[in-house]
Amino acid sequence: MDINRKASIGRKRLMTESKGQIVTPTANATLTGYSTAGDIVRNLSLVRDEIADTAAKIDEQQVADLARHLSQPGRVFVAGAGRSGLVLRMAAMRLMHLGLNVHIAGDTTTPAISSGDLLLVASGSGTTSGVVKSAETAAKAGARIAAFTTNPSSPLAGLADALVIIPAAQKTDHGSSVSRQYSGSLFEQVLFLTTEALFQSLWDNTDVPAEELWLRHANLE
């Protein structure tokens, strides 16, 4: 095989398909200009408005049902990938501050999930393989599953005992009219907002003062 043919094959292997077009990924992007204050103001408004519009479309009863599951006895496990996983880690911290027994899937000290426990998961597409696998494992163990997703017909949604639909674009839906932001940003932003509202609602229904929650904050850094 000559060197030109090898190079051609190598280029083809680097190509990815997006919306029916062939796109060749580059190693580094080149920024050709500077963002102005006007750019920042415009995009702050864009992000704020998209979050507000999407959050207003969430079914509050779905979130209330999830809160009911969190209020039941049993441990709470959280599992997510990428930025959604980071949001759930923040939610896990707040649930721990409330006094719940919370574990992060994949951590070395996380025990086995079992009957009576709750697995809290998030995936915009509802098809993220590791997240779906965690939900399947939890279901086989007899645990309950609470899921956040954009896709009510996804495998993850089908496994959920409590389901919250966040009507945002999926991260591969680059031509979506739902959001002008990149990838799954809107889903992740509204996921954070929803988990914060969930924590606040759970806390509102206790008589635990902020000073007591503070005592559970980490003192080892």
C-alpha atoms as a PDB file:
ATOM      1  CA  MET A   1       0.000   0.000   0.000  1.00  0.00           C
ATOM      2  CA  ASP A   2       1.512   3.378  -1.046  1.00  0.00           C
ATOM      3  CA  ILE A   3       1.952   6.230   1.411  1.00  0.00           C
ATOM      4  CA  ASN A   4      -0.780   8.379  -0.175  1.00  0.00           C
ATOM      5  CA  ARG A   5      -3.356   5.603   0.237  1.00  0.00           C
ATOM      6  CA  LYS A   6      -2.302   5.098   3.874  1.00  0.00           C
ATOM      7  CA  ALA A   7      -2.724   8.820   4.515  1.00  0.00           C
ATOM      8  CA  SER A   8      -6.162   8.781   2.900  1.00  0.00           C
ATOM      9  CA  ILE A   9      -7.284   5.864   5.093  1.00  0.00           C
ATOM     10  CA  GLY A  10      -5.912   7.627   8.163  1.00  0.00           C
ATOM     11  CA  ARG A  11      -7.895  10.761   7.353  1.00  0.00           C
ATOM     12  CA  LYS A  12     -11.069   8.746   6.879  1.00  0.00           C
ATOM     13  CA  ARG A  13     -10.611   7.153  10.279  1.00  0.00           C
ATOM     14  CA  LEU A  14     -10.476  10.614  11.843  1.00  0.00           C
ATOM     15  CA  MET A  15     -13.752  11.677  10.250  1.00  0.00           C
ATOM     16  CA  THR A  16     -16.986  11.673  12.204  1.00  0.00           C
ATOM     17  CA  GLU A  17     -20.529  12.070  10.940  1.00  0.00           C
ATOM     18  CA  SER A  18     -22.810  14.824  12.201  1.00  0.00           C
ATOM     19  CA  LYS A  19     -26.243  15.576  10.767  1.00  0.00           C
ATOM     20  CA  GLY A  20     -25.381  13.777   7.541  1.00  0.00           C
ATOM     21  CA  GLN A  21     -22.177  15.775   7.013  1.00  0.00           C
ATOM     22  CA  ILE A  22     -18.606  14.566   7.315  1.00  0.00           C
ATOM     23  CA  VAL A  23     -16.685  16.549   9.888  1.00  0.00           C
ATOM     24  CA  THR A  24     -12.954  16.220  10.454  1.00  0.00           C
ATOM     25  CA  PRO A  25     -12.084  16.937  14.099  1.00  0.00           C
ATOM     26  CA  THR A  26      -9.058  19.131  14.747  1.00  0.00           C
ATOM     27  CA  ALA A  27      -6.672  18.807  17.666  1.00  0.00           C
ATOM     28  CA  ASN A  28      -6.942  22.447  18.731  1.00  0.00           C
ATOM     29  CA  ALA A  29      -9.340  25.278  18.036  1.00  0.00           C
ATOM     30  CA  THR A  30      -7.995  28.727  17.157  1.00  0.00           C
ATOM     31  CA  LEU A  31      -9.736  31.701  18.751  1.00  0.00           C
ATOM     32  CA  THR A  32      -9.761  34.461  16.163  1.00  0.00           C
ATOM     33  CA  GLY A  33     -11.142  37.286  18.279  1.00  0.00           C
ATOM     34  CA  TYR A  34     -11.894  38.567  21.741  1.00  0.00           C
ATOM     35  CA  SER A  35     -15.233  38.451  23.519  1.00  0.00           C
ATOM     36  CA  THR A  36     -16.627  41.882  24.268  1.00  0.00           C
ATOM     37  CA  ALA A  37     -18.685  42.933  27.264  1.00  0.00           C
ATOM     38  CA  GLY A  38     -21.668  42.948  24.927  1.00  0.00           C
ATOM     39  CA  ASP A  39     -21.017  39.318  24.006  1.00  0.00           C
ATOM     40  CA  ILE A  40     -20.981  38.340  27.659  1.00  0.00           C
ATOM     41  CA  VAL A  41     -24.194  40.237  28.450  1.00  0.00           C
ATOM     42  CA  ARG A  42     -25.956  38.679  25.458  1.00  0.00           C
ATOM     43  CA  ASN A  43     -24.925  35.151  26.384  1.00  0.00           C
ATOM     44  CA  LEU A  44     -25.680  35.592  30.065  1.00  0.00           C
ATOM     45  CA  SER A  45     -29.200  36.489  28.976  1.00  0.00           C
ATOM     46  CA  LEU A  46     -29.301  33.531  26.591  1.00  0.00           C
ATOM     47  CA  VAL A  47     -28.293  31.018  29.262  1.00  0.00           C
ATOM     48  CA  ARG A  48     -30.547  32.556  31.906  1.00  0.00           C
ATOM     49  CA  ASP A  49     -33.593  32.612  29.631  1.00  0.00           C
ATOM     50  CA  GLU A  50     -33.093  29.047  28.383  1.00  0.00           C
ATOM     51  CA  ILE A  51     -32.754  27.755  31.942  1.00  0.00           C
ATOM     52  CA  ALA A  52     -35.875  29.637  33.079  1.00  0.00           C
ATOM     53  CA  ASP A  53     -37.949  28.477  30.101  1.00  0.00           C
ATOM     54  CA  THR A  54     -36.904  24.834  30.490  1.00  0.00           C
ATOM     55  CA  ALA A  55     -37.296  24.727  34.269  1.00  0.00           C
ATOM     56  CA  ALA A  56     -40.826  26.117  33.915  1.00  0.00           C
ATOM     57  CA  LYS A  57     -41.764  23.129  31.748  1.00  0.00           C
ATOM     58  CA  ILE A  58     -40.727  20.494  34.302  1.00  0.00           C
ATOM     59  CA  ASP A  59     -43.587  18.552  35.846  1.00  0.00           C
ATOM     60  CA  GLU A  60     -43.359  19.511  39.516  1.00  0.00           C
ATOM     61  CA  GLN A  61     -45.248  16.373  40.537  1.00  0.00           C
ATOM     62  CA  GLN A  62     -42.468  14.249  39.052  1.00  0.00           C
ATOM     63  CA  VAL A  63     -39.946  16.035  41.267  1.00  0.00           C
ATOM     64  CA  ALA A  64     -42.260  15.690  44.273  1.00  0.00           C
ATOM     65  CA  ASP A  65     -42.483  11.936  43.625  1.00  0.00           C
ATOM     66  CA  LEU A  66     -38.692  11.751  43.581  1.00  0.00           C
ATOM     67  CA  ALA A  67     -38.575  13.641  46.885  1.00  0.00           C
ATOM     68  CA  ARG A  68     -40.947  11.068  48.356  1.00  0.00           C
ATOM     69  CA  HIS A  69     -38.522   8.283  47.378  1.00  0.00           C
ATOM     70  CA  LEU A  70     -35.639  10.165  48.984  1.00  0.00           C
ATOM     71  CA  SER A  71     -37.660  10.487  52.181  1.00  0.00           C
ATOM     72  CA  GLN A  72     -38.130   6.733  52.484  1.00  0.00           C
ATOM     73  CA  PRO A  73     -35.759   4.567  54.560  1.00  0.00           C
ATOM     74  CA  GLY A  74     -32.706   3.172  52.833  1.00  0.00           C
ATOM     75  CA  ARG A  75     -29.388   4.340  51.493  1.00  0.00           C
ATOM     76  CA  VAL A  76     -29.015   6.616  48.470  1.00  0.00           C
ATOM     77  CA  PHE A  77     -26.581   5.850  45.647  1.00  0.00           C
ATOM     78  CA  VAL A  78     -25.859   8.246  42.784  1.00  0.00           C
ATOM     79  CA  ALA A  79     -24.483   7.399  39.346  1.00  0.00           C
ATOM     80  CA  GLY A  80     -23.827   9.609  36.350  1.00  0.00           C
ATOM     81  CA  ALA A  81     -21.247  10.263  33.663  1.00  0.00           C
ATOM     82  CA  GLY A  82     -19.485  13.447  32.603  1.00  0.00           C
ATOM     83  CA  ARG A  83     -20.995  16.769  33.604  1.00  0.00           C
ATOM     84  CA  SER A  84     -24.292  15.160  34.640  1.00  0.00           C
ATOM     85  CA  GLY A  85     -22.308  12.967  37.018  1.00  0.00           C
ATOM     86  CA  LEU A  86     -20.631  16.037  38.501  1.00  0.00           C
ATOM     87  CA  VAL A  87     -24.036  17.627  39.136  1.00  0.00           C
ATOM     88  CA  LEU A  88     -25.211  14.473  40.917  1.00  0.00           C
ATOM     89  CA  ARG A  89     -22.078  14.533  43.073  1.00  0.00           C
ATOM     90  CA  MET A  90     -23.059  18.020  44.201  1.00  0.00           C
ATOM     91  CA  ALA A  91     -26.569  16.769  44.910  1.00  0.00           C
ATOM     92  CA  ALA A  92     -25.127  13.858  46.885  1.00  0.00           C
ATOM     93  CA  MET A  93     -23.185  16.308  49.050  1.00  0.00           C
ATOM     94  CA  ARG A  94     -26.335  18.249  49.891  1.00  0.00           C
ATOM     95  CA  LEU A  95     -28.264  15.063  50.689  1.00  0.00           C
ATOM     96  CA  MET A  96     -25.426  14.055  52.993  1.00  0.00           C
ATOM     97  CA  HIS A  97     -25.699  17.447  54.707  1.00  0.00           C
ATOM     98  CA  LEU A  98     -29.355  16.622  55.374  1.00  0.00           C
ATOM     99  CA  GLY A  99     -28.225  13.457  57.142  1.00  0.00           C
ATOM    100  CA  LEU A 100     -28.972  10.883  54.426  1.00  0.00           C
ATOM    101  CA  ASN A 101     -26.651   7.917  53.964  1.00  0.00           C
ATOM    102  CA  VAL A 102     -25.279   8.655  50.481  1.00  0.00           C
ATOM    103  CA  HIS A 103     -22.748   6.835  48.290  1.00  0.00           C
ATOM    104  CA  ILE A 104     -21.194   7.608  44.894  1.00  0.00           C
ATOM    105  CA  ALA A 105     -21.149   4.681  42.471  1.00  0.00           C
ATOM    106  CA  GLY A 106     -17.596   3.800  41.514  1.00  0.00           C
ATOM    107  CA  ASP A 107     -15.893   5.113  44.665  1.00  0.00           C
ATOM    108  CA  THR A 108     -13.650   2.537  46.321  1.00  0.00           C
ATOM    109  CA  THR A 109     -15.574   2.582  49.605  1.00  0.00           C
ATOM    110  CA  THR A 110     -19.063   2.331  48.053  1.00  0.00           C
ATOM    111  CA  PRO A 111     -20.868  -0.806  49.264  1.00  0.00           C
ATOM    112  CA  ALA A 112     -23.195  -3.024  47.255  1.00  0.00           C
ATOM    113  CA  ILE A 113     -26.657  -1.641  46.572  1.00  0.00           C
ATOM    114  CA  SER A 114     -29.513  -3.783  47.853  1.00  0.00           C
ATOM    115  CA  SER A 115     -33.263  -3.998  48.318  1.00  0.00           C
ATOM    116  CA  GLY A 116     -34.716  -0.881  49.918  1.00  0.00           C
ATOM    117  CA  ASP A 117     -31.971   1.416  48.623  1.00  0.00           C
ATOM    118  CA  LEU A 118     -32.440   4.168  46.041  1.00  0.00           C
ATOM    119  CA  LEU A 119     -30.252   4.773  42.974  1.00  0.00           C
ATOM    120  CA  LEU A 120     -30.335   8.353  41.683  1.00  0.00           C
ATOM    121  CA  VAL A 121     -29.163   8.611  38.065  1.00  0.00           C
ATOM    122  CA  ALA A 122     -29.056  11.158  35.237  1.00  0.00           C
ATOM    123  CA  SER A 123     -28.509  10.876  31.504  1.00  0.00           C
ATOM    124  CA  GLY A 124     -29.752  13.369  28.950  1.00  0.00           C
ATOM    125  CA  SER A 125     -30.192  10.727  26.267  1.00  0.00           C
ATOM    126  CA  GLY A 126     -31.216   8.006  28.712  1.00  0.00           C
ATOM    127  CA  THR A 127     -28.874   5.653  26.868  1.00  0.00           C
ATOM    128  CA  THR A 128     -25.492   6.302  28.520  1.00  0.00           C
ATOM    129  CA  SER A 129     -24.186   2.742  28.778  1.00  0.00           C
ATOM    130  CA  GLY A 130     -22.592   2.924  32.226  1.00  0.00           C
ATOM    131  CA  VAL A 131     -25.589   4.686  33.743  1.00  0.00           C
ATOM    132  CA  VAL A 132     -28.090   2.259  32.212  1.00  0.00           C
ATOM    133  CA  LYS A 133     -25.957  -0.665  33.399  1.00  0.00           C
ATOM    134  CA  SER A 134     -25.942   0.737  36.943  1.00  0.00           C
ATOM    135  CA  ALA A 135     -29.737   1.055  36.833  1.00  0.00           C
ATOM    136  CA  GLU A 136     -30.099  -2.523  35.576  1.00  0.00           C
ATOM    137  CA  THR A 137     -27.841  -3.782  38.376  1.00  0.00           C
ATOM    138  CA  ALA A 138     -29.813  -1.814  40.968  1.00  0.00           C
ATOM    139  CA  ALA A 139     -33.108  -3.176  39.653  1.00  0.00           C
ATOM    140  CA  LYS A 140     -31.854  -6.751  39.858  1.00  0.00           C
ATOM    141  CA  ALA A 141     -30.808  -6.095  43.465  1.00  0.00           C
ATOM    142  CA  GLY A 142     -34.314  -4.909  44.324  1.00  0.00           C
ATOM    143  CA  ALA A 143     -33.382  -1.245  44.706  1.00  0.00           C
ATOM    144  CA  ARG A 144     -35.572   1.640  43.574  1.00  0.00           C
ATOM    145  CA  ILE A 145     -34.402   3.881  40.713  1.00  0.00           C
ATOM    146  CA  ALA A 146     -34.944   7.622  40.301  1.00  0.00           C
ATOM    147  CA  ALA A 147     -33.850   9.080  36.963  1.00  0.00           C
ATOM    148  CA  PHE A 148     -33.440  12.452  35.263  1.00  0.00           C
ATOM    149  CA  THR A 149     -33.458  12.436  31.448  1.00  0.00           C
ATOM    150  CA  THR A 150     -34.738  14.289  28.396  1.00  0.00           C
ATOM    151  CA  ASN A 151     -36.004  11.097  26.784  1.00  0.00           C
ATOM    152  CA  PRO A 152     -39.146   9.457  28.251  1.00  0.00           C
ATOM    153  CA  SER A 153     -38.883   6.499  25.850  1.00  0.00           C
ATOM    154  CA  SER A 154     -35.256   5.696  26.692  1.00  0.00           C
ATOM    155  CA  PRO A 155     -33.995   2.507  28.371  1.00  0.00           C
ATOM    156  CA  LEU A 156     -33.165   4.491  31.514  1.00  0.00           C
ATOM    157  CA  ALA A 157     -36.681   5.922  31.725  1.00  0.00           C
ATOM    158  CA  GLY A 158     -38.104   2.428  31.386  1.00  0.00           C
ATOM    159  CA  LEU A 159     -36.165   1.277  34.447  1.00  0.00           C
ATOM    160  CA  ALA A 160     -37.176   4.206  36.675  1.00  0.00           C
ATOM    161  CA  ASP A 161     -39.565   4.056  39.622  1.00  0.00           C
ATOM    162  CA  ALA A 162     -39.439   7.856  39.772  1.00  0.00           C
ATOM    163  CA  LEU A 163     -38.826   9.753  36.533  1.00  0.00           C
ATOM    164  CA  VAL A 164     -38.156  13.457  36.011  1.00  0.00           C
ATOM    165  CA  ILE A 165     -38.192  14.629  32.395  1.00  0.00           C
ATOM    166  CA  ILE A 166     -36.075  17.711  31.707  1.00  0.00           C
ATOM    167  CA  PRO A 167     -37.223  19.004  28.298  1.00  0.00           C
ATOM    168  CA  ALA A 168     -33.805  20.079  27.065  1.00  0.00           C
ATOM    169  CA  ALA A 169     -31.884  19.138  23.931  1.00  0.00           C
ATOM    170  CA  GLN A 170     -29.792  15.975  23.965  1.00  0.00           C
ATOM    171  CA  LYS A 171     -26.048  16.508  23.654  1.00  0.00           C
ATOM    172  CA  THR A 172     -25.870  15.063  20.126  1.00  0.00           C
ATOM    173  CA  ASP A 173     -28.787  17.171  18.886  1.00  0.00           C
ATOM    174  CA  HIS A 174     -26.617  19.931  17.441  1.00  0.00           C
ATOM    175  CA  GLY A 175     -29.381  21.400  15.264  1.00  0.00           C
ATOM    176  CA  SER A 176     -31.965  21.616  18.026  1.00  0.00           C
ATOM    177  CA  SER A 177     -34.327  24.553  18.264  1.00  0.00           C
ATOM    178  CA  VAL A 178     -34.609  23.924  22.016  1.00  0.00           C
ATOM    179  CA  SER A 179     -31.226  25.424  22.848  1.00  0.00           C
ATOM    180  CA  ARG A 180     -28.527  27.516  21.211  1.00  0.00           C
ATOM    181  CA  GLN A 181     -25.998  26.282  23.756  1.00  0.00           C
ATOM    182  CA  TYR A 182     -23.485  23.570  22.982  1.00  0.00           C
ATOM    183  CA  SER A 183     -24.151  19.882  23.536  1.00  0.00           C
ATOM    184  CA  GLY A 184     -25.936  18.938  26.774  1.00  0.00           C
ATOM    185  CA  SER A 185     -25.298  22.207  28.590  1.00  0.00           C
ATOM    186  CA  LEU A 186     -28.958  23.098  29.085  1.00  0.00           C
ATOM    187  CA  PHE A 187     -29.809  19.655  30.479  1.00  0.00           C
ATOM    188  CA  GLU A 188     -26.930  19.844  32.942  1.00  0.00           C
ATOM    189  CA  GLN A 189     -27.794  23.385  34.031  1.00  0.00           C
ATOM    190  CA  VAL A 190     -31.450  22.570  34.663  1.00  0.00           C
ATOM    191  CA  LEU A 191     -30.456  19.302  36.336  1.00  0.00           C
ATOM    192  CA  PHE A 192     -28.414  21.325  38.830  1.00  0.00           C
ATOM    193  CA  LEU A 193     -31.262  23.763  39.398  1.00  0.00           C
ATOM    194  CA  THR A 194     -33.725  20.912  39.934  1.00  0.00           C
ATOM    195  CA  THR A 195     -31.538  19.047  42.412  1.00  0.00           C
ATOM    196  CA  GLU A 196     -31.008  22.282  44.345  1.00  0.00           C
ATOM    197  CA  ALA A 197     -34.772  22.849  44.493  1.00  0.00           C
ATOM    198  CA  LEU A 198     -35.180  19.227  45.565  1.00  0.00           C
ATOM    199  CA  PHE A 199     -32.706  19.678  48.429  1.00  0.00           C
ATOM    200  CA  GLN A 200     -34.304  22.950  49.501  1.00  0.00           C
ATOM    201  CA  SER A 201     -37.766  21.351  49.533  1.00  0.00           C
ATOM    202  CA  LEU A 202     -36.565  18.401  51.589  1.00  0.00           C
ATOM    203  CA  TRP A 203     -34.854  20.737  54.043  1.00  0.00           C
ATOM    204  CA  ASP A 204     -37.939  22.959  54.301  1.00  0.00           C
ATOM    205  CA  ASN A 205     -39.837  19.958  55.640  1.00  0.00           C
ATOM    206  CA  THR A 206     -37.451  19.379  58.524  1.00  0.00           C
ATOM    207  CA  ASP A 207     -36.777  21.346  61.676  1.00  0.00           C
ATOM    208  CA  VAL A 208     -33.011  21.048  61.200  1.00  0.00           C
ATOM    209  CA  PRO A 209     -31.235  24.431  61.419  1.00  0.00           C
ATOM    210  CA  ALA A 210     -28.460  25.415  59.035  1.00  0.00           C
ATOM    211  CA  GLU A 211     -26.009  25.240  61.935  1.00  0.00           C
ATOM    212  CA  GLU A 212     -26.642  21.496  62.242  1.00  0.00           C
ATOM    213  CA  LEU A 213     -26.190  20.912  58.526  1.00  0.00           C
ATOM    214  CA  TRP A 214     -22.908  22.805  58.743  1.00  0.00           C
ATOM    215  CA  LEU A 215     -21.569  20.311  61.274  1.00  0.00           C
ATOM    216  CA  ARG A 216     -21.704  17.654  58.534  1.00  0.00           C
ATOM    217  CA  HIS A 217     -19.498  19.622  56.148  1.00  0.00           C
ATOM    218  CA  ALA A 218     -16.164  17.984  55.412  1.00  0.00           C
ATOM    219  CA  ASN A 219     -13.372  18.910  57.816  1.00  0.00           C
ATOM    220  CA  LEU A 220     -10.719  16.930  55.927  1.00  0.00           C
ATOM    221  CA  GLU A 221      -9.583  18.587  52.685  1.00  0.00           C
END
